[in-house]
PDB file of all heavy atoms in Angstrom:
ATOM      1  N   ILE A   1      52.287   3.778 -54.923  1.00  0.00           N
ATOM      2  CA  ILE A   1      53.520   3.017 -55.024  1.00  0.00           C
ATOM      3  C   ILE A   1      53.851   2.771 -56.486  1.00  0.00           C
ATOM      4  O   ILE A   1      52.961   2.523 -57.304  1.00  0.00           O
ATOM      5  CB  ILE A   1      53.405   1.684 -54.238  1.00  0.00           C
ATOM      6  CG1 ILE A   1      54.752   0.978 -54.151  1.00  0.00           C
ATOM      7  CG2 ILE A   1      52.333   0.775 -54.851  1.00  0.00           C
ATOM      8  CD1 ILE A   1      54.770  -0.171 -53.145  1.00  0.00           C
ATOM      9  N   SER A   2      55.127   2.860 -56.808  1.00  0.00           N
ATOM     10  CA  SER A   2      55.572   2.572 -58.162  1.00  0.00           C
ATOM     11  C   SER A   2      55.584   1.070 -58.406  1.00  0.00           C
ATOM     12  O   SER A   2      55.470   0.268 -57.480  1.00  0.00           O
ATOM     13  CB  SER A   2      56.973   3.152 -58.391  1.00  0.00           C
ATOM     14  OG  SER A   2      57.925   2.520 -57.544  1.00  0.00           O
ATOM     15  N   TRP A   3      55.719   0.683 -59.664  1.00  0.00           N
ATOM     16  CA  TRP A   3      55.717  -0.738 -60.008  1.00  0.00           C
ATOM     17  C   TRP A   3      56.816  -1.501 -59.277  1.00  0.00           C
ATOM     18  O   TRP A   3      56.592  -2.619 -58.792  1.00  0.00           O
ATOM     19  CB  TRP A   3      55.858  -0.920 -61.523  1.00  0.00           C
ATOM     20  CG  TRP A   3      55.798  -2.356 -61.955  1.00  0.00           C
ATOM     21  CD1 TRP A   3      54.691  -3.071 -62.285  1.00  0.00           C
ATOM     22  CD2 TRP A   3      56.903  -3.257 -62.095  1.00  0.00           C
ATOM     23  NE1 TRP A   3      55.020  -4.363 -62.620  1.00  0.00           N
ATOM     24  CE2 TRP A   3      56.379  -4.509 -62.521  1.00  0.00           C
ATOM     25  CE3 TRP A   3      58.285  -3.138 -61.919  1.00  0.00           C
ATOM     26  CZ2 TRP A   3      57.183  -5.621 -62.756  1.00  0.00           C
ATOM     27  CZ3 TRP A   3      59.083  -4.255 -62.151  1.00  0.00           C
ATOM     28  CH2 TRP A   3      58.539  -5.465 -62.566  1.00  0.00           C
ATOM     29  N   SER A   4      57.994  -0.913 -59.204  1.00  0.00           N
ATOM     30  CA  SER A   4      59.126  -1.571 -58.560  1.00  0.00           C
ATOM     31  C   SER A   4      59.008  -1.587 -57.041  1.00  0.00           C
ATOM     32  O   SER A   4      59.696  -2.374 -56.381  1.00  0.00           O
ATOM     33  CB  SER A   4      60.426  -0.882 -58.950  1.00  0.00           C
ATOM     34  OG  SER A   4      60.479   0.424 -58.424  1.00  0.00           O
ATOM     35  N   GLY A   5      58.169  -0.712 -56.489  1.00  0.00           N
ATOM     36  CA  GLY A   5      58.049  -0.582 -55.051  1.00  0.00           C
ATOM     37  C   GLY A   5      59.073   0.341 -54.430  1.00  0.00           C
ATOM     38  O   GLY A   5      59.024   0.590 -53.217  1.00  0.00           O
ATOM     39  N   GLU A   6      59.994   0.857 -55.230  1.00  0.00           N
ATOM     40  CA  GLU A   6      61.058   1.696 -54.689  1.00  0.00           C
ATOM     41  C   GLU A   6      60.601   3.106 -54.354  1.00  0.00           C
ATOM     42  O   GLU A   6      61.278   3.797 -53.590  1.00  0.00           O
ATOM     43  CB  GLU A   6      62.239   1.758 -55.660  1.00  0.00           C
ATOM     44  CG  GLU A   6      61.963   2.508 -56.951  1.00  0.00           C
ATOM     45  CD  GLU A   6      63.144   2.458 -57.897  1.00  0.00           C
ATOM     46  OE1 GLU A   6      63.226   1.479 -58.671  1.00  0.00           O
ATOM     47  OE2 GLU A   6      63.989   3.375 -57.863  1.00  0.00           O
ATOM     48  N   SER A   7      59.473   3.540 -54.928  1.00  0.00           N
ATOM     49  CA  SER A   7      58.964   4.880 -54.669  1.00  0.00           C
ATOM     50  C   SER A   7      57.556   4.793 -54.101  1.00  0.00           C
ATOM     51  O   SER A   7      56.689   4.133 -54.672  1.00  0.00           O
ATOM     52  CB  SER A   7      58.951   5.717 -55.948  1.00  0.00           C
ATOM     53  OG  SER A   7      60.254   5.865 -56.476  1.00  0.00           O
ATOM     54  N   THR A   8      57.326   5.477 -52.982  1.00  0.00           N
ATOM     55  CA  THR A   8      56.006   5.542 -52.370  1.00  0.00           C
ATOM     56  C   THR A   8      55.699   6.970 -51.964  1.00  0.00           C
ATOM     57  O   THR A   8      56.600   7.791 -51.795  1.00  0.00           O
ATOM     58  CB  THR A   8      55.900   4.636 -51.131  1.00  0.00           C
ATOM     59  OG1 THR A   8      56.875   5.048 -50.156  1.00  0.00           O
ATOM     60  CG2 THR A   8      56.146   3.181 -51.499  1.00  0.00           C
ATOM     61  N   HIS A   9      54.414   7.267 -51.794  1.00  0.00           N
ATOM     62  CA  HIS A   9      53.995   8.585 -51.373  1.00  0.00           C
ATOM     63  C   HIS A   9      52.700   8.457 -50.588  1.00  0.00           C
ATOM     64  O   HIS A   9      51.861   7.621 -50.916  1.00  0.00           O
ATOM     65  CB  HIS A   9      53.796   9.511 -52.573  1.00  0.00           C
ATOM     66  CG  HIS A   9      53.508  10.926 -52.203  1.00  0.00           C
ATOM     67  ND1 HIS A   9      54.465  11.752 -51.668  1.00  0.00           N
ATOM     68  CD2 HIS A   9      52.364  11.655 -52.272  1.00  0.00           C
ATOM     69  CE1 HIS A   9      53.930  12.930 -51.426  1.00  0.00           C
ATOM     70  NE2 HIS A   9      52.660  12.897 -51.786  1.00  0.00           N
ATOM     71  N   TYR A  10      52.540   9.306 -49.563  1.00  0.00           N
ATOM     72  CA  TYR A  10      51.386   9.238 -48.689  1.00  0.00           C
ATOM     73  C   TYR A  10      50.738  10.599 -48.499  1.00  0.00           C
ATOM     74  O   TYR A  10      51.416  11.632 -48.499  1.00  0.00           O
ATOM     75  CB  TYR A  10      51.792   8.705 -47.312  1.00  0.00           C
ATOM     76  CG  TYR A  10      52.384   7.327 -47.344  1.00  0.00           C
ATOM     77  CD1 TYR A  10      53.753   7.138 -47.497  1.00  0.00           C
ATOM     78  CD2 TYR A  10      51.570   6.204 -47.230  1.00  0.00           C
ATOM     79  CE1 TYR A  10      54.299   5.865 -47.534  1.00  0.00           C
ATOM     80  CE2 TYR A  10      52.105   4.930 -47.268  1.00  0.00           C
ATOM     81  CZ  TYR A  10      53.469   4.770 -47.420  1.00  0.00           C
ATOM     82  OH  TYR A  10      54.001   3.500 -47.458  1.00  0.00           O
ATOM     83  N   ALA A  11      49.428  10.580 -48.325  1.00  0.00           N
ATOM     84  CA  ALA A  11      48.742  11.788 -47.908  1.00  0.00           C
ATOM     85  C   ALA A  11      49.212  12.172 -46.511  1.00  0.00           C
ATOM     86  O   ALA A  11      49.525  11.309 -45.685  1.00  0.00           O
ATOM     87  CB  ALA A  11      47.233  11.569 -47.910  1.00  0.00           C
ATOM     88  N   ASP A  12      49.260  13.473 -46.247  1.00  0.00           N
ATOM     89  CA  ASP A  12      49.722  13.926 -44.937  1.00  0.00           C
ATOM     90  C   ASP A  12      48.889  13.344 -43.797  1.00  0.00           C
ATOM     91  O   ASP A  12      49.411  13.089 -42.706  1.00  0.00           O
ATOM     92  CB  ASP A  12      49.684  15.452 -44.866  1.00  0.00           C
ATOM     93  CG  ASP A  12      50.768  16.107 -45.702  1.00  0.00           C
ATOM     94  OD1 ASP A  12      51.744  15.435 -46.055  1.00  0.00           O
ATOM     95  OD2 ASP A  12      50.631  17.312 -45.987  1.00  0.00           O
ATOM     96  N   SER A  13      47.618  13.115 -44.047  1.00  0.00           N
ATOM     97  CA  SER A  13      46.719  12.636 -43.017  1.00  0.00           C
ATOM     98  C   SER A  13      47.023  11.213 -42.553  1.00  0.00           C
ATOM     99  O   SER A  13      46.606  10.819 -41.465  1.00  0.00           O
ATOM    100  CB  SER A  13      45.268  12.719 -43.499  1.00  0.00           C
ATOM    101  OG  SER A  13      45.077  11.931 -44.657  1.00  0.00           O
ATOM    102  N   VAL A  14      47.749  10.444 -43.367  1.00  0.00           N
ATOM    103  CA  VAL A  14      48.044   9.057 -43.010  1.00  0.00           C
ATOM    104  C   VAL A  14      49.528   8.784 -42.864  1.00  0.00           C
ATOM    105  O   VAL A  14      49.912   7.677 -42.461  1.00  0.00           O
ATOM    106  CB  VAL A  14      47.441   8.066 -44.029  1.00  0.00           C
ATOM    107  CG1 VAL A  14      45.949   8.314 -44.198  1.00  0.00           C
ATOM    108  CG2 VAL A  14      48.160   8.167 -45.373  1.00  0.00           C
ATOM    109  N   LYS A  15      50.355   9.754 -43.170  1.00  0.00           N
ATOM    110  CA  LYS A  15      51.801   9.569 -43.113  1.00  0.00           C
ATOM    111  C   LYS A  15      52.232   9.160 -41.705  1.00  0.00           C
ATOM    112  O   LYS A  15      51.829   9.764 -40.717  1.00  0.00           O
ATOM    113  CB  LYS A  15      52.497  10.855 -43.547  1.00  0.00           C
ATOM    114  CG  LYS A  15      53.985  10.709 -43.815  1.00  0.00           C
ATOM    115  CD  LYS A  15      54.552  11.989 -44.436  1.00  0.00           C
ATOM    116  CE  LYS A  15      53.925  12.283 -45.784  1.00  0.00           C
ATOM    117  NZ  LYS A  15      54.496  13.499 -46.417  1.00  0.00           N
ATOM    118  N   GLY A  16      53.047   8.126 -41.649  1.00  0.00           N
ATOM    119  CA  GLY A  16      53.516   7.613 -40.377  1.00  0.00           C
ATOM    120  C   GLY A  16      52.612   6.567 -39.772  1.00  0.00           C
ATOM    121  O   GLY A  16      53.011   5.877 -38.820  1.00  0.00           O
ATOM    122  N   ARG A  17      51.397   6.425 -40.297  1.00  0.00           N
ATOM    123  CA  ARG A  17      50.449   5.432 -39.793  1.00  0.00           C
ATOM    124  C   ARG A  17      50.165   4.326 -40.798  1.00  0.00           C
ATOM    125  O   ARG A  17      49.939   3.183 -40.417  1.00  0.00           O
ATOM    126  CB  ARG A  17      49.124   6.099 -39.409  1.00  0.00           C
ATOM    127  CG  ARG A  17      49.262   7.148 -38.313  1.00  0.00           C
ATOM    128  CD  ARG A  17      47.891   7.620 -37.837  1.00  0.00           C
ATOM    129  NE  ARG A  17      47.136   8.276 -38.904  1.00  0.00           N
ATOM    130  CZ  ARG A  17      45.963   7.863 -39.358  1.00  0.00           C
ATOM    131  NH1 ARG A  17      45.389   6.774 -38.828  1.00  0.00           N
ATOM    132  NH2 ARG A  17      45.341   8.534 -40.320  1.00  0.00           N
ATOM    133  N   PHE A  18      50.146   4.666 -42.082  1.00  0.00           N
ATOM    134  CA  PHE A  18      49.843   3.706 -43.136  1.00  0.00           C
ATOM    135  C   PHE A  18      51.107   3.368 -43.912  1.00  0.00           C
ATOM    136  O   PHE A  18      52.028   4.194 -44.023  1.00  0.00           O
ATOM    137  CB  PHE A  18      48.817   4.273 -44.117  1.00  0.00           C
ATOM    138  CG  PHE A  18      47.428   4.439 -43.577  1.00  0.00           C
ATOM    139  CD1 PHE A  18      47.140   4.299 -42.231  1.00  0.00           C
ATOM    140  CD2 PHE A  18      46.395   4.746 -44.449  1.00  0.00           C
ATOM    141  CE1 PHE A  18      45.854   4.462 -41.744  1.00  0.00           C
ATOM    142  CE2 PHE A  18      45.101   4.909 -43.980  1.00  0.00           C
ATOM    143  CZ  PHE A  18      44.828   4.770 -42.634  1.00  0.00           C
ATOM    144  N   ALA A  19      51.150   2.174 -44.472  1.00  0.00           N
ATOM    145  CA  ALA A  19      52.266   1.756 -45.308  1.00  0.00           C
ATOM    146  C   ALA A  19      51.749   0.962 -46.502  1.00  0.00           C
ATOM    147  O   ALA A  19      51.005  -0.005 -46.332  1.00  0.00           O
ATOM    148  CB  ALA A  19      53.260   0.922 -44.511  1.00  0.00           C
ATOM    149  N   ILE A  20      52.131   1.379 -47.691  1.00  0.00           N
ATOM    150  CA  ILE A  20      51.746   0.679 -48.904  1.00  0.00           C
ATOM    151  C   ILE A  20      52.913  -0.197 -49.354  1.00  0.00           C
ATOM    152  O   ILE A  20      54.075   0.195 -49.252  1.00  0.00           O
ATOM    153  CB  ILE A  20      51.329   1.673 -50.010  1.00  0.00           C
ATOM    154  CG1 ILE A  20      50.749   0.926 -51.214  1.00  0.00           C
ATOM    155  CG2 ILE A  20      52.489   2.572 -50.420  1.00  0.00           C
ATOM    156  CD1 ILE A  20      50.112   1.857 -52.250  1.00  0.00           C
ATOM    157  N   SER A  21      52.597  -1.378 -49.837  1.00  0.00           N
ATOM    158  CA  SER A  21      53.615  -2.294 -50.325  1.00  0.00           C
ATOM    159  C   SER A  21      53.013  -3.156 -51.426  1.00  0.00           C
ATOM    160  O   SER A  21      51.797  -3.145 -51.639  1.00  0.00           O
ATOM    161  CB  SER A  21      54.174  -3.163 -49.192  1.00  0.00           C
ATOM    162  OG  SER A  21      53.146  -3.961 -48.625  1.00  0.00           O
ATOM    163  N   ARG A  22      53.857  -3.910 -52.122  1.00  0.00           N
ATOM    164  CA  ARG A  22      53.346  -4.765 -53.183  1.00  0.00           C
ATOM    165  C   ARG A  22      54.197  -6.000 -53.333  1.00  0.00           C
ATOM    166  O   ARG A  22      55.382  -6.021 -52.999  1.00  0.00           O
ATOM    167  CB  ARG A  22      53.264  -3.992 -54.508  1.00  0.00           C
ATOM    168  CG  ARG A  22      54.603  -3.570 -55.088  1.00  0.00           C
ATOM    169  CD  ARG A  22      54.404  -2.575 -56.240  1.00  0.00           C
ATOM    170  NE  ARG A  22      53.612  -3.138 -57.320  1.00  0.00           N
ATOM    171  CZ  ARG A  22      53.026  -2.426 -58.281  1.00  0.00           C
ATOM    172  NH1 ARG A  22      53.129  -1.109 -58.275  1.00  0.00           N
ATOM    173  NH2 ARG A  22      52.326  -3.041 -59.220  1.00  0.00           N
ATOM    174  N   ASP A  23      53.575  -7.035 -53.852  1.00  0.00           N
ATOM    175  CA  ASP A  23      54.238  -8.277 -54.179  1.00  0.00           C
ATOM    176  C   ASP A  23      53.808  -8.619 -55.598  1.00  0.00           C
ATOM    177  O   ASP A  23      52.734  -9.178 -55.808  1.00  0.00           O
ATOM    178  CB  ASP A  23      53.855  -9.385 -53.201  1.00  0.00           C
ATOM    179  CG  ASP A  23      54.626 -10.667 -53.442  1.00  0.00           C
ATOM    180  OD1 ASP A  23      55.150 -10.864 -54.553  1.00  0.00           O
ATOM    181  OD2 ASP A  23      54.704 -11.487 -52.510  1.00  0.00           O
ATOM    182  N   ASN A  24      54.640  -8.250 -56.548  1.00  0.00           N
ATOM    183  CA  ASN A  24      54.269  -8.445 -57.946  1.00  0.00           C
ATOM    184  C   ASN A  24      54.142  -9.917 -58.315  1.00  0.00           C
ATOM    185  O   ASN A  24      53.385 -10.271 -59.223  1.00  0.00           O
ATOM    186  CB  ASN A  24      55.282  -7.757 -58.864  1.00  0.00           C
ATOM    187  CG  ASN A  24      55.191  -6.248 -58.801  1.00  0.00           C
ATOM    188  OD1 ASN A  24      54.236  -5.693 -58.240  1.00  0.00           O
ATOM    189  ND2 ASN A  24      56.171  -5.563 -59.366  1.00  0.00           N
ATOM    190  N   GLY A  25      54.870 -10.771 -57.612  1.00  0.00           N
ATOM    191  CA  GLY A  25      54.758 -12.198 -57.854  1.00  0.00           C
ATOM    192  C   GLY A  25      53.391 -12.747 -57.497  1.00  0.00           C
ATOM    193  O   GLY A  25      52.965 -13.765 -58.047  1.00  0.00           O
ATOM    194  N   LYS A  26      52.695 -12.080 -56.578  1.00  0.00           N
ATOM    195  CA  LYS A  26      51.352 -12.474 -56.163  1.00  0.00           C
ATOM    196  C   LYS A  26      50.276 -11.578 -56.763  1.00  0.00           C
ATOM    197  O   LYS A  26      49.103 -11.736 -56.439  1.00  0.00           O
ATOM    198  CB  LYS A  26      51.233 -12.464 -54.643  1.00  0.00           C
ATOM    199  CG  LYS A  26      52.126 -13.468 -53.937  1.00  0.00           C
ATOM    200  CD  LYS A  26      51.916 -13.425 -52.429  1.00  0.00           C
ATOM    201  CE  LYS A  26      52.777 -14.455 -51.729  1.00  0.00           C
ATOM    202  NZ  LYS A  26      52.592 -14.413 -50.255  1.00  0.00           N
ATOM    203  N   ASN A  27      50.674 -10.639 -57.604  1.00  0.00           N
ATOM    204  CA  ASN A  27      49.735  -9.696 -58.215  1.00  0.00           C
ATOM    205  C   ASN A  27      48.910  -8.974 -57.154  1.00  0.00           C
ATOM    206  O   ASN A  27      47.697  -8.772 -57.315  1.00  0.00           O
ATOM    207  CB  ASN A  27      48.796 -10.413 -59.192  1.00  0.00           C
ATOM    208  CG  ASN A  27      49.518 -10.986 -60.392  1.00  0.00           C
ATOM    209  OD1 ASN A  27      50.682 -10.673 -60.648  1.00  0.00           O
ATOM    210  ND2 ASN A  27      48.822 -11.827 -61.141  1.00  0.00           N
ATOM    211  N   THR A  28      49.564  -8.562 -56.083  1.00  0.00           N
ATOM    212  CA  THR A  28      48.850  -8.002 -54.937  1.00  0.00           C
ATOM    213  C   THR A  28      49.543  -6.761 -54.395  1.00  0.00           C
ATOM    214  O   THR A  28      50.772  -6.712 -54.309  1.00  0.00           O
ATOM    215  CB  THR A  28      48.723  -9.046 -53.817  1.00  0.00           C
ATOM    216  OG1 THR A  28      48.048 -10.209 -54.323  1.00  0.00           O
ATOM    217  CG2 THR A  28      47.928  -8.497 -52.646  1.00  0.00           C
ATOM    218  N   VAL A  29      48.736  -5.765 -54.035  1.00  0.00           N
ATOM    219  CA  VAL A  29      49.187  -4.561 -53.353  1.00  0.00           C
ATOM    220  C   VAL A  29      48.513  -4.520 -51.993  1.00  0.00           C
ATOM    221  O   VAL A  29      47.347  -4.907 -51.857  1.00  0.00           O
ATOM    222  CB  VAL A  29      48.854  -3.298 -54.166  1.00  0.00           C
ATOM    223  CG1 VAL A  29      49.179  -2.043 -53.372  1.00  0.00           C
ATOM    224  CG2 VAL A  29      49.624  -3.298 -55.472  1.00  0.00           C
ATOM    225  N   TYR A  30      49.241  -4.043 -50.993  1.00  0.00           N
ATOM    226  CA  TYR A  30      48.738  -4.017 -49.626  1.00  0.00           C
ATOM    227  C   TYR A  30      48.710  -2.598 -49.077  1.00  0.00           C
ATOM    228  O   TYR A  30      49.471  -1.727 -49.499  1.00  0.00           O
ATOM    229  CB  TYR A  30      49.619  -4.863 -48.706  1.00  0.00           C
ATOM    230  CG  TYR A  30      49.787  -6.289 -49.163  1.00  0.00           C
ATOM    231  CD1 TYR A  30      50.889  -6.672 -49.917  1.00  0.00           C
ATOM    232  CD2 TYR A  30      48.834  -7.254 -48.842  1.00  0.00           C
ATOM    233  CE1 TYR A  30      51.042  -7.983 -50.340  1.00  0.00           C
ATOM    234  CE2 TYR A  30      48.980  -8.562 -49.262  1.00  0.00           C
ATOM    235  CZ  TYR A  30      50.083  -8.924 -50.008  1.00  0.00           C
ATOM    236  OH  TYR A  30      50.227 -10.225 -50.422  1.00  0.00           O
ATOM    237  N   LEU A  31      47.839  -2.378 -48.119  1.00  0.00           N
ATOM    238  CA  LEU A  31      47.840  -1.144 -47.346  1.00  0.00           C
ATOM    239  C   LEU A  31      47.736  -1.526 -45.879  1.00  0.00           C
ATOM    240  O   LEU A  31      46.672  -1.938 -45.414  1.00  0.00           O
ATOM    241  CB  LEU A  31      46.690  -0.223 -47.741  1.00  0.00           C
ATOM    242  CG  LEU A  31      46.690   1.134 -47.039  1.00  0.00           C
ATOM    243  CD1 LEU A  31      47.872   1.979 -47.505  1.00  0.00           C
ATOM    244  CD2 LEU A  31      45.383   1.883 -47.294  1.00  0.00           C
ATOM    245  N   GLN A  32      48.848  -1.411 -45.169  1.00  0.00           N
ATOM    246  CA  GLN A  32      48.862  -1.650 -43.736  1.00  0.00           C
ATOM    247  C   GLN A  32      48.451  -0.371 -43.034  1.00  0.00           C
ATOM    248  O   GLN A  32      49.086   0.669 -43.219  1.00  0.00           O
ATOM    249  CB  GLN A  32      50.253  -2.084 -43.274  1.00  0.00           C
ATOM    250  CG  GLN A  32      50.370  -2.307 -41.772  1.00  0.00           C
ATOM    251  CD  GLN A  32      49.551  -3.473 -41.295  1.00  0.00           C
ATOM    252  OE1 GLN A  32      49.588  -4.546 -41.895  1.00  0.00           O
ATOM    253  NE2 GLN A  32      48.791  -3.280 -40.224  1.00  0.00           N
ATOM    254  N   MET A  33      47.405  -0.429 -42.237  1.00  0.00           N
ATOM    255  CA  MET A  33      46.861   0.740 -41.562  1.00  0.00           C
ATOM    256  C   MET A  33      46.977   0.539 -40.058  1.00  0.00           C
ATOM    257  O   MET A  33      46.366  -0.371 -39.500  1.00  0.00           O
ATOM    258  CB  MET A  33      45.410   0.974 -41.966  1.00  0.00           C
ATOM    259  CG  MET A  33      45.196   1.095 -43.469  1.00  0.00           C
ATOM    260  SD  MET A  33      43.486   1.506 -43.908  1.00  0.00           S
ATOM    261  CE  MET A  33      42.660   0.020 -43.331  1.00  0.00           C
ATOM    262  N   ASN A  34      47.760   1.385 -39.425  1.00  0.00           N
ATOM    263  CA  ASN A  34      47.961   1.333 -37.988  1.00  0.00           C
ATOM    264  C   ASN A  34      47.445   2.610 -37.338  1.00  0.00           C
ATOM    265  O   ASN A  34      47.249   3.624 -37.998  1.00  0.00           O
ATOM    266  CB  ASN A  34      49.444   1.161 -37.658  1.00  0.00           C
ATOM    267  CG  ASN A  34      50.034  -0.105 -38.221  1.00  0.00           C
ATOM    268  OD1 ASN A  34      49.393  -1.156 -38.221  1.00  0.00           O
ATOM    269  ND2 ASN A  34      51.278  -0.033 -38.681  1.00  0.00           N
ATOM    270  N   SER A  35      47.248   2.552 -36.033  1.00  0.00           N
ATOM    271  CA  SER A  35      46.776   3.711 -35.270  1.00  0.00           C
ATOM    272  C   SER A  35      45.563   4.351 -35.927  1.00  0.00           C
ATOM    273  O   SER A  35      45.498   5.568 -36.115  1.00  0.00           O
ATOM    274  CB  SER A  35      47.908   4.733 -35.114  1.00  0.00           C
ATOM    275  OG  SER A  35      49.031   4.165 -34.466  1.00  0.00           O
ATOM    276  N   LEU A  36      44.603   3.533 -36.269  1.00  0.00           N
ATOM    277  CA  LEU A  36      43.435   4.012 -37.000  1.00  0.00           C
ATOM    278  C   LEU A  36      42.617   4.996 -36.178  1.00  0.00           C
ATOM    279  O   LEU A  36      42.485   4.854 -34.961  1.00  0.00           O
ATOM    280  CB  LEU A  36      42.571   2.837 -37.436  1.00  0.00           C
ATOM    281  CG  LEU A  36      43.117   2.063 -38.636  1.00  0.00           C
ATOM    282  CD1 LEU A  36      42.460   0.699 -38.738  1.00  0.00           C
ATOM    283  CD2 LEU A  36      42.889   2.867 -39.920  1.00  0.00           C
ATOM    284  N   LYS A  37      42.074   5.977 -36.877  1.00  0.00           N
ATOM    285  CA  LYS A  37      41.255   7.020 -36.282  1.00  0.00           C
ATOM    286  C   LYS A  37      39.852   6.976 -36.875  1.00  0.00           C
ATOM    287  O   LYS A  37      39.669   6.503 -37.992  1.00  0.00           O
ATOM    288  CB  LYS A  37      41.868   8.399 -36.551  1.00  0.00           C
ATOM    289  CG  LYS A  37      43.304   8.556 -36.091  1.00  0.00           C
ATOM    290  CD  LYS A  37      43.855   9.906 -36.520  1.00  0.00           C
ATOM    291  CE  LYS A  37      45.292  10.075 -36.077  1.00  0.00           C
ATOM    292  NZ  LYS A  37      45.845  11.395 -36.515  1.00  0.00           N
ATOM    293  N   PRO A  38      38.847   7.481 -36.160  1.00  0.00           N
ATOM    294  CA  PRO A  38      37.494   7.508 -36.720  1.00  0.00           C
ATOM    295  C   PRO A  38      37.426   8.198 -38.083  1.00  0.00           C
ATOM    296  O   PRO A  38      36.630   7.779 -38.933  1.00  0.00           O
ATOM    297  CB  PRO A  38      36.697   8.276 -35.662  1.00  0.00           C
ATOM    298  CG  PRO A  38      37.398   7.960 -34.389  1.00  0.00           C
ATOM    299  CD  PRO A  38      38.863   7.929 -34.755  1.00  0.00           C
ATOM    300  N   GLU A  39      38.237   9.213 -38.308  1.00  0.00           N
ATOM    301  CA  GLU A  39      38.230   9.914 -39.578  1.00  0.00           C
ATOM    302  C   GLU A  39      38.801   9.086 -40.726  1.00  0.00           C
ATOM    303  O   GLU A  39      38.727   9.504 -41.884  1.00  0.00           O
ATOM    304  CB  GLU A  39      38.971  11.253 -39.481  1.00  0.00           C
ATOM    305  CG  GLU A  39      40.371  11.142 -38.909  1.00  0.00           C
ATOM    306  CD  GLU A  39      40.435  11.487 -37.430  1.00  0.00           C
ATOM    307  OE1 GLU A  39      39.542  11.033 -36.678  1.00  0.00           O
ATOM    308  OE2 GLU A  39      41.365  12.207 -37.028  1.00  0.00           O
ATOM    309  N   ASP A  40      39.375   7.918 -40.426  1.00  0.00           N
ATOM    310  CA  ASP A  40      39.819   7.001 -41.466  1.00  0.00           C
ATOM    311  C   ASP A  40      38.668   6.177 -42.031  1.00  0.00           C
ATOM    312  O   ASP A  40      38.856   5.455 -43.013  1.00  0.00           O
ATOM    313  CB  ASP A  40      40.888   6.052 -40.933  1.00  0.00           C
ATOM    314  CG  ASP A  40      42.171   6.767 -40.542  1.00  0.00           C
ATOM    315  OD1 ASP A  40      42.591   7.683 -41.284  1.00  0.00           O
ATOM    316  OD2 ASP A  40      42.758   6.400 -39.507  1.00  0.00           O
ATOM    317  N   THR A  41      37.503   6.257 -41.418  1.00  0.00           N
ATOM    318  CA  THR A  41      36.345   5.505 -41.879  1.00  0.00           C
ATOM    319  C   THR A  41      35.979   5.912 -43.302  1.00  0.00           C
ATOM    320  O   THR A  41      35.754   7.087 -43.581  1.00  0.00           O
ATOM    321  CB  THR A  41      35.153   5.729 -40.945  1.00  0.00           C
ATOM    322  OG1 THR A  41      35.447   5.196 -39.652  1.00  0.00           O
ATOM    323  CG2 THR A  41      33.905   5.045 -41.486  1.00  0.00           C
ATOM    324  N   ALA A  42      35.927   4.939 -44.196  1.00  0.00           N
ATOM    325  CA  ALA A  42      35.645   5.204 -45.604  1.00  0.00           C
ATOM    326  C   ALA A  42      35.627   3.893 -46.369  1.00  0.00           C
ATOM    327  O   ALA A  42      35.998   2.840 -45.846  1.00  0.00           O
ATOM    328  CB  ALA A  42      36.710   6.132 -46.203  1.00  0.00           C
ATOM    329  N   VAL A  43      35.190   3.966 -47.611  1.00  0.00           N
ATOM    330  CA  VAL A  43      35.386   2.873 -48.545  1.00  0.00           C
ATOM    331  C   VAL A  43      36.741   3.080 -49.199  1.00  0.00           C
ATOM    332  O   VAL A  43      37.008   4.140 -49.763  1.00  0.00           O
ATOM    333  CB  VAL A  43      34.281   2.818 -49.616  1.00  0.00           C
ATOM    334  CG1 VAL A  43      34.587   1.731 -50.642  1.00  0.00           C
ATOM    335  CG2 VAL A  43      32.930   2.567 -48.956  1.00  0.00           C
ATOM    336  N   TYR A  44      37.589   2.079 -49.117  1.00  0.00           N
ATOM    337  CA  TYR A  44      38.938   2.167 -49.667  1.00  0.00           C
ATOM    338  C   TYR A  44      38.989   1.469 -51.016  1.00  0.00           C
ATOM    339  O   TYR A  44      38.585   0.310 -51.144  1.00  0.00           O
ATOM    340  CB  TYR A  44      39.947   1.542 -48.703  1.00  0.00           C
ATOM    341  CG  TYR A  44      40.252   2.438 -47.529  1.00  0.00           C
ATOM    342  CD1 TYR A  44      39.308   2.667 -46.541  1.00  0.00           C
ATOM    343  CD2 TYR A  44      41.489   3.078 -47.421  1.00  0.00           C
ATOM    344  CE1 TYR A  44      39.573   3.515 -45.479  1.00  0.00           C
ATOM    345  CE2 TYR A  44      41.764   3.916 -46.359  1.00  0.00           C
ATOM    346  CZ  TYR A  44      40.808   4.137 -45.384  1.00  0.00           C
ATOM    347  OH  TYR A  44      41.078   4.971 -44.329  1.00  0.00           O
ATOM    348  N   HIS A  45      39.489   2.183 -52.011  1.00  0.00           N
ATOM    349  CA  HIS A  45      39.572   1.686 -53.373  1.00  0.00           C
ATOM    350  C   HIS A  45      41.016   1.547 -53.814  1.00  0.00           C
ATOM    351  O   HIS A  45      41.841   2.422 -53.568  1.00  0.00           O
ATOM    352  CB  HIS A  45      38.862   2.634 -54.342  1.00  0.00           C
ATOM    353  CG  HIS A  45      37.387   2.738 -54.138  1.00  0.00           C
ATOM    354  ND1 HIS A  45      36.493   1.939 -54.817  1.00  0.00           N
ATOM    355  CD2 HIS A  45      36.646   3.547 -53.339  1.00  0.00           C
ATOM    356  CE1 HIS A  45      35.267   2.260 -54.445  1.00  0.00           C
ATOM    357  NE2 HIS A  45      35.329   3.227 -53.544  1.00  0.00           N
ATOM    358  N   CYS A  46      41.295   0.465 -54.489  1.00  0.00           N
ATOM    359  CA  CYS A  46      42.575   0.250 -55.125  1.00  0.00           C
ATOM    360  C   CYS A  46      42.504   0.748 -56.563  1.00  0.00           C
ATOM    361  O   CYS A  46      41.460   0.635 -57.217  1.00  0.00           O
ATOM    362  CB  CYS A  46      42.916  -1.244 -55.093  1.00  0.00           C
ATOM    363  SG  CYS A  46      44.469  -1.690 -55.876  1.00  0.00           S
TER     364      CYS A  46
END
């Protein structure tokens, strides 16, 4: 995700299931993960 939040991009493997967003006022970035699959198992790094 870009600083402004206006531009985002996803890996094909998660497109349509995951959503990245940010709240700069809270100094926080989020990753909403839906329809999770066993192959999503991993350590996730920001």
